Amino acid sequence: MMKPLIDSPPRTMMEVYKSLPEGTLAELIDNQLVMSPSPLAYHQKTLQKIFRRLSENIEDTGIGEIFIAPFDVYLDEQQNAVQPDIVVVLSANRSIVNPKGHIHGVPDMIIEILSHGNKDHDRVKKKALYERFGVKEYWMVDPETKATEGYSLKDSAYSSLVGETGKFSSPLLGIEINF
């Protein structure tokens, strides 16, 4: 006799989220499930370039760890699980990383590569979410123009960082990333 695929229906949106197939491009933001199409080529190229530069400065020096999407970050265990494009967890905060699972807690830095059809999702909704949860530094990169927009958390609110084209300077990491 075959075992049923679902023993009991999910009771919460977090249970629905956790039951999605691996690799599903979805996030749970304030208890609302948000689905995304797969990213375009120039999005992925920008992601690769930034990841390589960060890896040289973060992973190779032992300052911390970097994760790229799709990878779940549970900001809380009830209503908020996101899949940022790039996540930086510094060594002092490493306890939030489950080596056999996901991140459960607030990363130090998040970078989102803006998607063509839904830039406001990252600029408004996710920016407010990351600010509320206390992500120390948040960067958005437009893969078409290479313009960067950054924010640093000060007194529980984001203040703007200098945005540039094809690079960004992280006060948190003390480095400049060219891509």
N, C-alpha and C. Protein backbone atom coordinates (compact mmCIF):
# COMPACT_ATOMS: atom_id res chain seq x y z
N MET A 1 0.83 -1.17 0.00
CA MET A 1 0.00 0.00 0.00
C MET A 1 0.89 1.25 0.00
N MET A 2 0.58 2.19 -0.90
CA MET A 2 1.35 3.43 -0.99
C MET A 2 0.96 4.38 0.12
N LYS A 3 1.95 5.08 0.65
CA LYS A 3 1.70 6.10 1.66
C LYS A 3 1.17 7.36 0.97
N PRO A 4 0.16 8.00 1.54
CA PRO A 4 -0.32 9.24 0.92
C PRO A 4 0.78 10.30 0.92
N LEU A 5 0.77 11.15 -0.10
CA LEU A 5 1.78 12.19 -0.20
C LEU A 5 1.67 13.21 0.93
N ILE A 6 0.47 13.47 1.38
CA ILE A 6 0.26 14.44 2.46
C ILE A 6 -0.51 13.74 3.57
N ASP A 7 0.11 13.68 4.75
CA ASP A 7 -0.55 13.06 5.90
C ASP A 7 -1.71 13.91 6.41
N SER A 8 -1.48 15.21 6.45
CA SER A 8 -2.54 16.14 6.86
C SER A 8 -2.31 17.45 6.12
N PRO A 9 -3.37 18.18 5.84
CA PRO A 9 -3.20 19.42 5.11
C PRO A 9 -2.44 20.46 5.94
N PRO A 10 -1.69 21.33 5.28
CA PRO A 10 -0.98 22.37 6.04
C PRO A 10 -1.96 23.31 6.72
N ARG A 11 -1.59 23.76 7.93
CA ARG A 11 -2.47 24.63 8.70
C ARG A 11 -2.04 26.10 8.65
N THR A 12 -0.80 26.35 8.32
CA THR A 12 -0.30 27.72 8.26
C THR A 12 0.35 27.98 6.91
N MET A 13 0.52 29.24 6.57
CA MET A 13 1.22 29.57 5.31
C MET A 13 2.67 29.12 5.36
N MET A 14 3.30 29.12 6.54
CA MET A 14 4.68 28.64 6.65
C MET A 14 4.72 27.15 6.34
N GLU A 15 3.71 26.39 6.76
CA GLU A 15 3.66 24.97 6.42
C GLU A 15 3.47 24.78 4.92
N VAL A 16 2.65 25.63 4.29
CA VAL A 16 2.49 25.58 2.84
C VAL A 16 3.83 25.85 2.18
N TYR A 17 4.52 26.91 2.64
CA TYR A 17 5.82 27.26 2.07
C TYR A 17 6.82 26.10 2.19
N LYS A 18 6.89 25.51 3.36
CA LYS A 18 7.84 24.42 3.58
C LYS A 18 7.49 23.17 2.78
N SER A 19 6.24 23.05 2.32
CA SER A 19 5.84 21.87 1.55
C SER A 19 6.09 22.04 0.04
N LEU A 20 6.49 23.23 -0.39
CA LEU A 20 6.75 23.44 -1.81
C LEU A 20 7.94 22.59 -2.27
N PRO A 21 7.96 22.17 -3.52
CA PRO A 21 9.09 21.37 -4.01
C PRO A 21 10.40 22.16 -3.97
N GLU A 22 11.49 21.46 -3.73
CA GLU A 22 12.81 22.08 -3.70
C GLU A 22 13.06 22.84 -5.01
N GLY A 23 13.62 24.03 -4.89
CA GLY A 23 13.93 24.84 -6.07
C GLY A 23 12.81 25.75 -6.51
N THR A 24 11.65 25.66 -5.84
CA THR A 24 10.54 26.55 -6.19
C THR A 24 10.93 27.99 -5.87
N LEU A 25 10.75 28.88 -6.83
CA LEU A 25 11.08 30.28 -6.62
C LEU A 25 9.88 30.95 -5.96
N ALA A 26 9.90 30.94 -4.63
CA ALA A 26 8.79 31.49 -3.86
C ALA A 26 9.34 32.05 -2.56
N GLU A 27 8.62 33.02 -2.03
CA GLU A 27 8.96 33.61 -0.74
C GLU A 27 7.67 33.78 0.06
N LEU A 28 7.83 33.82 1.36
CA LEU A 28 6.71 34.08 2.25
C LEU A 28 7.01 35.40 2.95
N ILE A 29 6.23 36.44 2.62
CA ILE A 29 6.46 37.76 3.18
C ILE A 29 5.19 38.21 3.88
N ASP A 30 5.33 38.43 5.18
CA ASP A 30 4.18 38.81 6.01
C ASP A 30 2.99 37.89 5.77
N ASN A 31 3.30 36.60 5.75
CA ASN A 31 2.32 35.52 5.64
C ASN A 31 1.63 35.46 4.27
N GLN A 32 2.21 36.09 3.25
CA GLN A 32 1.68 36.01 1.88
C GLN A 32 2.71 35.32 1.00
N LEU A 33 2.27 34.33 0.28
CA LEU A 33 3.14 33.59 -0.62
C LEU A 33 3.33 34.38 -1.92
N VAL A 34 4.58 34.60 -2.29
CA VAL A 34 4.92 35.35 -3.50
C VAL A 34 5.75 34.45 -4.40
N MET A 35 5.25 34.17 -5.60
CA MET A 35 5.94 33.31 -6.56
C MET A 35 6.67 34.19 -7.58
N SER A 36 7.78 33.67 -8.12
CA SER A 36 8.55 34.42 -9.12
C SER A 36 8.90 33.52 -10.29
N PRO A 37 8.98 34.09 -11.49
CA PRO A 37 9.50 33.30 -12.62
C PRO A 37 11.02 33.19 -12.50
N SER A 38 11.61 32.30 -13.25
CA SER A 38 13.06 32.18 -13.20
C SER A 38 13.70 33.44 -13.76
N PRO A 39 14.90 33.79 -13.25
CA PRO A 39 15.55 35.03 -13.69
C PRO A 39 16.08 34.93 -15.12
N LEU A 40 16.28 36.11 -15.72
CA LEU A 40 16.81 36.21 -17.09
C LEU A 40 18.33 36.11 -17.08
N ALA A 41 18.91 35.92 -18.26
CA ALA A 41 20.35 35.70 -18.39
C ALA A 41 21.17 36.84 -17.80
N TYR A 42 20.83 38.11 -18.11
CA TYR A 42 21.65 39.21 -17.60
C TYR A 42 21.56 39.34 -16.08
N HIS A 43 20.45 38.93 -15.50
CA HIS A 43 20.31 38.87 -14.04
C HIS A 43 21.33 37.87 -13.49
N GLN A 44 21.38 36.69 -14.10
CA GLN A 44 22.28 35.64 -13.61
C GLN A 44 23.75 36.00 -13.81
N LYS A 45 24.07 36.66 -14.93
CA LYS A 45 25.46 37.09 -15.17
C LYS A 45 25.91 38.09 -14.12
N THR A 46 25.03 39.03 -13.79
CA THR A 46 25.35 40.03 -12.75
C THR A 46 25.52 39.33 -11.41
N LEU A 47 24.63 38.41 -11.10
CA LEU A 47 24.72 37.64 -9.86
C LEU A 47 26.06 36.90 -9.77
N GLN A 48 26.46 36.26 -10.85
CA GLN A 48 27.73 35.52 -10.87
C GLN A 48 28.93 36.44 -10.62
N LYS A 49 28.95 37.58 -11.29
CA LYS A 49 30.08 38.51 -11.14
C LYS A 49 30.20 39.02 -9.71
N ILE A 50 29.07 39.43 -9.13
CA ILE A 50 29.11 39.94 -7.76
C ILE A 50 29.49 38.84 -6.78
N PHE A 51 28.94 37.65 -6.97
CA PHE A 51 29.27 36.53 -6.09
C PHE A 51 30.78 36.22 -6.13
N ARG A 52 31.36 36.20 -7.32
CA ARG A 52 32.79 35.92 -7.43
C ARG A 52 33.62 36.95 -6.68
N ARG A 53 33.28 38.23 -6.85
CA ARG A 53 34.05 39.29 -6.19
C ARG A 53 33.88 39.21 -4.66
N LEU A 54 32.66 38.95 -4.22
CA LEU A 54 32.43 38.82 -2.78
C LEU A 54 33.14 37.61 -2.21
N SER A 55 33.12 36.52 -2.94
CA SER A 55 33.75 35.30 -2.48
C SER A 55 35.24 35.51 -2.22
N GLU A 56 35.89 36.25 -3.13
CA GLU A 56 37.32 36.55 -2.96
C GLU A 56 37.57 37.33 -1.68
N ASN A 57 36.66 38.22 -1.32
CA ASN A 57 36.84 39.09 -0.17
C ASN A 57 36.26 38.56 1.13
N ILE A 58 35.29 37.68 1.05
CA ILE A 58 34.61 37.20 2.25
C ILE A 58 34.97 35.75 2.57
N GLU A 59 34.66 34.86 1.65
CA GLU A 59 34.90 33.43 1.90
C GLU A 59 36.40 33.12 1.95
N ASP A 60 37.14 33.63 0.98
CA ASP A 60 38.57 33.30 0.90
C ASP A 60 39.38 33.86 2.06
N THR A 61 38.88 34.91 2.71
CA THR A 61 39.60 35.51 3.84
C THR A 61 39.06 35.04 5.18
N GLY A 62 37.96 34.27 5.18
CA GLY A 62 37.39 33.75 6.41
C GLY A 62 36.54 34.74 7.19
N ILE A 63 36.19 35.87 6.57
CA ILE A 63 35.36 36.88 7.25
C ILE A 63 33.94 36.36 7.47
N GLY A 64 33.48 35.51 6.56
CA GLY A 64 32.12 35.01 6.67
C GLY A 64 31.79 34.05 5.55
N GLU A 65 30.49 33.86 5.33
CA GLU A 65 30.01 32.95 4.30
C GLU A 65 29.03 33.68 3.39
N ILE A 66 28.94 33.20 2.15
CA ILE A 66 28.04 33.77 1.16
C ILE A 66 27.15 32.66 0.62
N PHE A 67 25.88 32.98 0.43
CA PHE A 67 24.93 32.04 -0.14
C PHE A 67 24.21 32.73 -1.29
N ILE A 68 23.87 31.95 -2.34
CA ILE A 68 23.15 32.52 -3.47
C ILE A 68 21.83 31.76 -3.67
N ALA A 69 20.88 32.46 -4.26
CA ALA A 69 19.55 31.90 -4.50
C ALA A 69 19.60 30.75 -5.49
N PRO A 70 18.68 29.82 -5.38
CA PRO A 70 17.63 29.77 -4.37
C PRO A 70 18.15 29.13 -3.08
N PHE A 71 17.97 29.85 -1.98
CA PHE A 71 18.38 29.37 -0.66
C PHE A 71 17.50 30.07 0.37
N ASP A 72 16.83 29.30 1.20
CA ASP A 72 15.86 29.87 2.14
C ASP A 72 16.53 30.58 3.32
N VAL A 73 16.00 31.76 3.62
CA VAL A 73 16.39 32.52 4.79
C VAL A 73 15.10 32.74 5.59
N TYR A 74 15.01 32.07 6.74
CA TYR A 74 13.85 32.21 7.61
C TYR A 74 14.12 33.37 8.57
N LEU A 75 13.55 34.53 8.26
CA LEU A 75 13.73 35.69 9.13
C LEU A 75 13.00 35.48 10.45
N ASP A 76 11.91 34.76 10.40
CA ASP A 76 11.23 34.27 11.60
C ASP A 76 10.66 32.90 11.24
N GLU A 77 10.08 32.25 12.19
CA GLU A 77 9.59 30.88 11.94
C GLU A 77 8.09 30.83 11.67
N GLN A 78 7.43 32.00 11.58
CA GLN A 78 6.00 32.01 11.39
C GLN A 78 5.54 32.57 10.05
N GLN A 79 6.09 33.72 9.62
CA GLN A 79 5.50 34.43 8.49
C GLN A 79 6.47 34.94 7.44
N ASN A 80 7.78 34.77 7.61
CA ASN A 80 8.73 35.40 6.69
C ASN A 80 9.91 34.50 6.34
N ALA A 81 9.88 34.02 5.11
CA ALA A 81 10.99 33.22 4.57
C ALA A 81 11.26 33.76 3.16
N VAL A 82 12.49 34.17 2.91
CA VAL A 82 12.84 34.79 1.64
C VAL A 82 13.98 34.03 0.97
N GLN A 83 14.17 34.31 -0.32
CA GLN A 83 15.26 33.73 -1.09
C GLN A 83 16.02 34.86 -1.78
N PRO A 84 16.81 35.63 -1.02
CA PRO A 84 17.56 36.73 -1.63
C PRO A 84 18.56 36.20 -2.65
N ASP A 85 18.94 37.07 -3.59
CA ASP A 85 19.93 36.65 -4.60
C ASP A 85 21.27 36.32 -3.96
N ILE A 86 21.74 37.19 -3.05
CA ILE A 86 23.01 36.96 -2.36
C ILE A 86 22.82 37.29 -0.89
N VAL A 87 23.33 36.41 -0.03
CA VAL A 87 23.26 36.58 1.41
C VAL A 87 24.66 36.48 1.98
N VAL A 88 25.02 37.44 2.83
CA VAL A 88 26.32 37.42 3.51
C VAL A 88 26.07 37.25 5.00
N VAL A 89 26.72 36.25 5.58
CA VAL A 89 26.67 36.02 7.02
C VAL A 89 28.11 36.10 7.53
N LEU A 90 28.37 37.09 8.35
CA LEU A 90 29.72 37.25 8.91
C LEU A 90 29.97 36.21 9.98
N SER A 91 31.24 35.94 10.24
CA SER A 91 31.63 34.86 11.16
C SER A 91 30.98 34.99 12.54
N ALA A 92 30.86 36.21 13.06
CA ALA A 92 30.27 36.41 14.38
C ALA A 92 28.80 36.01 14.43
N ASN A 93 28.16 35.93 13.28
CA ASN A 93 26.72 35.62 13.18
C ASN A 93 26.49 34.22 12.61
N ARG A 94 27.53 33.43 12.48
CA ARG A 94 27.49 32.13 11.80
C ARG A 94 26.50 31.15 12.42
N SER A 95 26.11 31.36 13.66
CA SER A 95 25.20 30.41 14.33
C SER A 95 23.82 30.37 13.68
N ILE A 96 23.48 31.35 12.85
CA ILE A 96 22.17 31.34 12.19
C ILE A 96 22.14 30.39 10.99
N VAL A 97 23.32 29.88 10.59
CA VAL A 97 23.42 28.98 9.43
C VAL A 97 23.37 27.53 9.91
N ASN A 98 22.39 26.81 9.42
CA ASN A 98 22.32 25.38 9.69
C ASN A 98 23.05 24.68 8.55
N PRO A 99 24.22 24.07 8.82
CA PRO A 99 25.00 23.45 7.74
C PRO A 99 24.24 22.38 6.97
N LYS A 100 23.22 21.78 7.56
CA LYS A 100 22.42 20.76 6.90
C LYS A 100 21.04 21.29 6.53
N GLY A 101 20.88 22.60 6.60
CA GLY A 101 19.57 23.18 6.32
C GLY A 101 19.68 24.55 5.70
N HIS A 102 19.08 25.51 6.34
CA HIS A 102 18.97 26.86 5.81
C HIS A 102 19.44 27.88 6.84
N ILE A 103 19.20 29.14 6.54
CA ILE A 103 19.48 30.20 7.50
C ILE A 103 18.22 30.45 8.31
N HIS A 104 18.39 30.49 9.62
CA HIS A 104 17.29 30.80 10.53
C HIS A 104 17.74 31.97 11.38
N GLY A 105 17.37 33.17 10.95
CA GLY A 105 17.80 34.39 11.63
C GLY A 105 18.06 35.47 10.60
N VAL A 106 18.68 36.55 11.05
CA VAL A 106 18.87 37.72 10.20
C VAL A 106 20.31 37.79 9.69
N PRO A 107 20.49 37.72 8.37
CA PRO A 107 21.84 37.84 7.80
C PRO A 107 22.39 39.26 7.99
N ASP A 108 23.69 39.40 7.83
CA ASP A 108 24.34 40.71 7.96
C ASP A 108 24.11 41.58 6.74
N MET A 109 24.16 40.98 5.56
CA MET A 109 23.99 41.73 4.31
C MET A 109 23.16 40.91 3.34
N ILE A 110 22.32 41.63 2.59
CA ILE A 110 21.54 41.01 1.52
C ILE A 110 21.71 41.86 0.27
N ILE A 111 21.88 41.17 -0.87
CA ILE A 111 21.96 41.85 -2.16
C ILE A 111 20.88 41.25 -3.05
N GLU A 112 20.06 42.10 -3.63
CA GLU A 112 19.05 41.66 -4.58
C GLU A 112 19.40 42.22 -5.95
N ILE A 113 19.39 41.35 -6.96
CA ILE A 113 19.53 41.76 -8.35
C ILE A 113 18.10 42.00 -8.83
N LEU A 114 17.80 43.23 -9.23
CA LEU A 114 16.44 43.58 -9.59
C LEU A 114 15.97 42.80 -10.81
N SER A 115 14.73 42.33 -10.75
CA SER A 115 14.13 41.62 -11.87
C SER A 115 13.37 42.60 -12.75
N HIS A 116 13.42 42.38 -14.04
CA HIS A 116 12.88 43.31 -15.02
C HIS A 116 11.43 43.70 -14.73
N GLY A 117 10.59 42.74 -14.47
CA GLY A 117 9.17 43.04 -14.34
C GLY A 117 8.69 43.40 -12.95
N ASN A 118 9.59 43.34 -11.94
CA ASN A 118 9.09 43.50 -10.57
C ASN A 118 10.11 44.21 -9.68
N LYS A 119 10.65 45.33 -10.14
CA LYS A 119 11.67 46.04 -9.37
C LYS A 119 11.13 46.59 -8.06
N ASP A 120 9.87 46.99 -8.03
CA ASP A 120 9.29 47.55 -6.81
C ASP A 120 9.19 46.52 -5.69
N HIS A 121 9.13 45.25 -6.03
CA HIS A 121 9.09 44.20 -5.00
C HIS A 121 10.33 44.30 -4.12
N ASP A 122 11.51 44.45 -4.74
CA ASP A 122 12.75 44.57 -3.99
C ASP A 122 12.93 45.97 -3.40
N ARG A 123 12.54 46.99 -4.16
CA ARG A 123 12.75 48.38 -3.72
C ARG A 123 11.82 48.81 -2.59
N VAL A 124 10.65 48.23 -2.52
CA VAL A 124 9.67 48.68 -1.52
C VAL A 124 9.41 47.59 -0.48
N LYS A 125 8.80 46.50 -0.93
CA LYS A 125 8.35 45.46 0.00
C LYS A 125 9.52 44.80 0.74
N LYS A 126 10.52 44.34 -0.02
CA LYS A 126 11.61 43.63 0.63
C LYS A 126 12.53 44.58 1.40
N LYS A 127 12.69 45.79 0.91
CA LYS A 127 13.49 46.79 1.65
C LYS A 127 12.86 47.02 3.02
N ALA A 128 11.55 47.23 3.08
CA ALA A 128 10.86 47.44 4.35
C ALA A 128 10.98 46.21 5.26
N LEU A 129 10.88 45.03 4.67
CA LEU A 129 11.01 43.79 5.44
C LEU A 129 12.40 43.67 6.05
N TYR A 130 13.44 43.88 5.23
CA TYR A 130 14.81 43.75 5.73
C TYR A 130 15.13 44.81 6.78
N GLU A 131 14.61 46.00 6.59
CA GLU A 131 14.80 47.06 7.58
C GLU A 131 14.14 46.67 8.90
N ARG A 132 12.92 46.18 8.82
CA ARG A 132 12.16 45.79 10.02
C ARG A 132 12.87 44.68 10.80
N PHE A 133 13.48 43.74 10.08
CA PHE A 133 14.15 42.62 10.75
C PHE A 133 15.58 42.93 11.15
N GLY A 134 16.13 44.06 10.68
CA GLY A 134 17.46 44.47 11.13
C GLY A 134 18.62 43.97 10.30
N VAL A 135 18.42 43.75 8.99
CA VAL A 135 19.55 43.41 8.11
C VAL A 135 20.46 44.64 8.07
N LYS A 136 21.72 44.49 8.43
CA LYS A 136 22.62 45.63 8.60
C LYS A 136 22.89 46.40 7.32
N GLU A 137 22.96 45.69 6.20
CA GLU A 137 23.23 46.38 4.93
C GLU A 137 22.45 45.69 3.82
N TYR A 138 21.81 46.50 2.99
CA TYR A 138 20.98 45.99 1.89
C TYR A 138 21.35 46.73 0.62
N TRP A 139 21.68 45.95 -0.42
CA TRP A 139 22.03 46.51 -1.73
C TRP A 139 21.09 45.97 -2.79
N MET A 140 20.73 46.84 -3.73
CA MET A 140 19.97 46.43 -4.91
C MET A 140 20.81 46.81 -6.12
N VAL A 141 20.83 45.92 -7.10
CA VAL A 141 21.61 46.14 -8.32
C VAL A 141 20.69 45.96 -9.51
N ASP A 142 20.67 46.96 -10.38
CA ASP A 142 19.91 46.88 -11.62
C ASP A 142 20.82 46.23 -12.67
N PRO A 143 20.50 45.02 -13.12
CA PRO A 143 21.40 44.33 -14.05
C PRO A 143 21.45 44.96 -15.44
N GLU A 144 20.44 45.76 -15.78
CA GLU A 144 20.43 46.43 -17.09
C GLU A 144 21.35 47.63 -17.12
N THR A 145 21.30 48.45 -16.08
CA THR A 145 22.09 49.69 -16.04
C THR A 145 23.34 49.57 -15.17
N LYS A 146 23.39 48.52 -14.35
CA LYS A 146 24.46 48.29 -13.37
C LYS A 146 24.47 49.32 -12.25
N ALA A 147 23.37 50.10 -12.14
CA ALA A 147 23.24 51.06 -11.04
C ALA A 147 23.02 50.32 -9.73
N THR A 148 23.64 50.82 -8.66
CA THR A 148 23.48 50.22 -7.35
C THR A 148 22.78 51.20 -6.41
N GLU A 149 22.05 50.63 -5.48
CA GLU A 149 21.32 51.41 -4.48
C GLU A 149 21.50 50.67 -3.16
N GLY A 150 22.09 51.34 -2.18
CA GLY A 150 22.40 50.66 -0.93
C GLY A 150 21.86 51.37 0.29
N TYR A 151 21.69 50.59 1.36
CA TYR A 151 21.18 51.11 2.62
C TYR A 151 21.92 50.46 3.78
N SER A 152 22.19 51.27 4.79
CA SER A 152 22.85 50.81 6.00
C SER A 152 21.93 51.08 7.18
N LEU A 153 21.82 50.11 8.08
CA LEU A 153 20.93 50.23 9.22
C LEU A 153 21.59 51.06 10.32
N LYS A 154 20.91 52.13 10.71
CA LYS A 154 21.37 52.99 11.80
C LYS A 154 20.15 53.32 12.66
N ASP A 155 20.23 52.99 13.94
CA ASP A 155 19.11 53.24 14.86
C ASP A 155 17.80 52.65 14.34
N SER A 156 17.85 51.42 13.88
CA SER A 156 16.68 50.65 13.42
C SER A 156 16.02 51.20 12.15
N ALA A 157 16.72 52.08 11.42
CA ALA A 157 16.18 52.61 10.16
C ALA A 157 17.29 52.65 9.12
N TYR A 158 16.90 52.46 7.86
CA TYR A 158 17.89 52.49 6.79
C TYR A 158 18.23 53.94 6.41
N SER A 159 19.53 54.16 6.22
CA SER A 159 19.99 55.41 5.63
C SER A 159 20.68 55.05 4.32
N SER A 160 20.54 55.93 3.35
CA SER A 160 21.07 55.66 2.00
C SER A 160 22.59 55.67 1.98
N LEU A 161 23.13 54.76 1.18
CA LEU A 161 24.57 54.73 0.90
C LEU A 161 24.78 55.27 -0.51
N VAL A 162 25.98 55.63 -0.82
CA VAL A 162 26.27 56.16 -2.15
C VAL A 162 26.09 55.06 -3.19
N GLY A 163 25.20 55.31 -4.14
CA GLY A 163 25.00 54.38 -5.24
C GLY A 163 25.91 54.74 -6.39
N GLU A 164 26.39 53.75 -7.09
CA GLU A 164 27.29 53.98 -8.22
C GLU A 164 26.87 53.10 -9.39
N THR A 165 27.66 53.09 -10.42
CA THR A 165 27.40 52.24 -11.57
C THR A 165 28.54 51.22 -11.70
N GLY A 166 28.16 49.94 -11.69
CA GLY A 166 29.14 48.87 -11.84
C GLY A 166 29.97 48.59 -10.61
N LYS A 167 29.60 49.20 -9.48
CA LYS A 167 30.31 48.91 -8.23
C LYS A 167 29.50 49.42 -7.04
N PHE A 168 29.87 48.91 -5.87
CA PHE A 168 29.32 49.45 -4.64
C PHE A 168 30.37 49.31 -3.55
N SER A 169 30.32 50.23 -2.60
CA SER A 169 31.25 50.23 -1.48
C SER A 169 30.48 49.90 -0.21
N SER A 170 30.87 48.83 0.44
CA SER A 170 30.18 48.36 1.63
C SER A 170 30.88 48.84 2.89
N PRO A 171 30.25 49.73 3.65
CA PRO A 171 30.83 50.11 4.94
C PRO A 171 30.90 48.92 5.92
N LEU A 172 29.92 48.04 5.87
CA LEU A 172 29.88 46.88 6.75
C LEU A 172 31.09 45.98 6.52
N LEU A 173 31.39 45.73 5.24
CA LEU A 173 32.49 44.82 4.91
C LEU A 173 33.82 45.55 4.76
N GLY A 174 33.75 46.87 4.57
CA GLY A 174 34.97 47.64 4.37
C GLY A 174 35.64 47.36 3.03
N ILE A 175 34.84 47.04 2.02
CA ILE A 175 35.38 46.72 0.70
C ILE A 175 34.56 47.37 -0.41
N GLU A 176 35.18 47.48 -1.58
CA GLU A 176 34.48 47.94 -2.77
C GLU A 176 34.38 46.75 -3.72
N ILE A 177 33.20 46.54 -4.26
CA ILE A 177 32.96 45.43 -5.19
C ILE A 177 32.71 46.02 -6.58
N ASN A 178 33.55 45.66 -7.54
CA ASN A 178 33.36 46.05 -8.94
C ASN A 178 32.83 44.84 -9.70
N PHE A 179 31.88 45.09 -10.57
CA PHE A 179 31.31 43.97 -11.34
C PHE A 179 31.02 44.39 -12.76
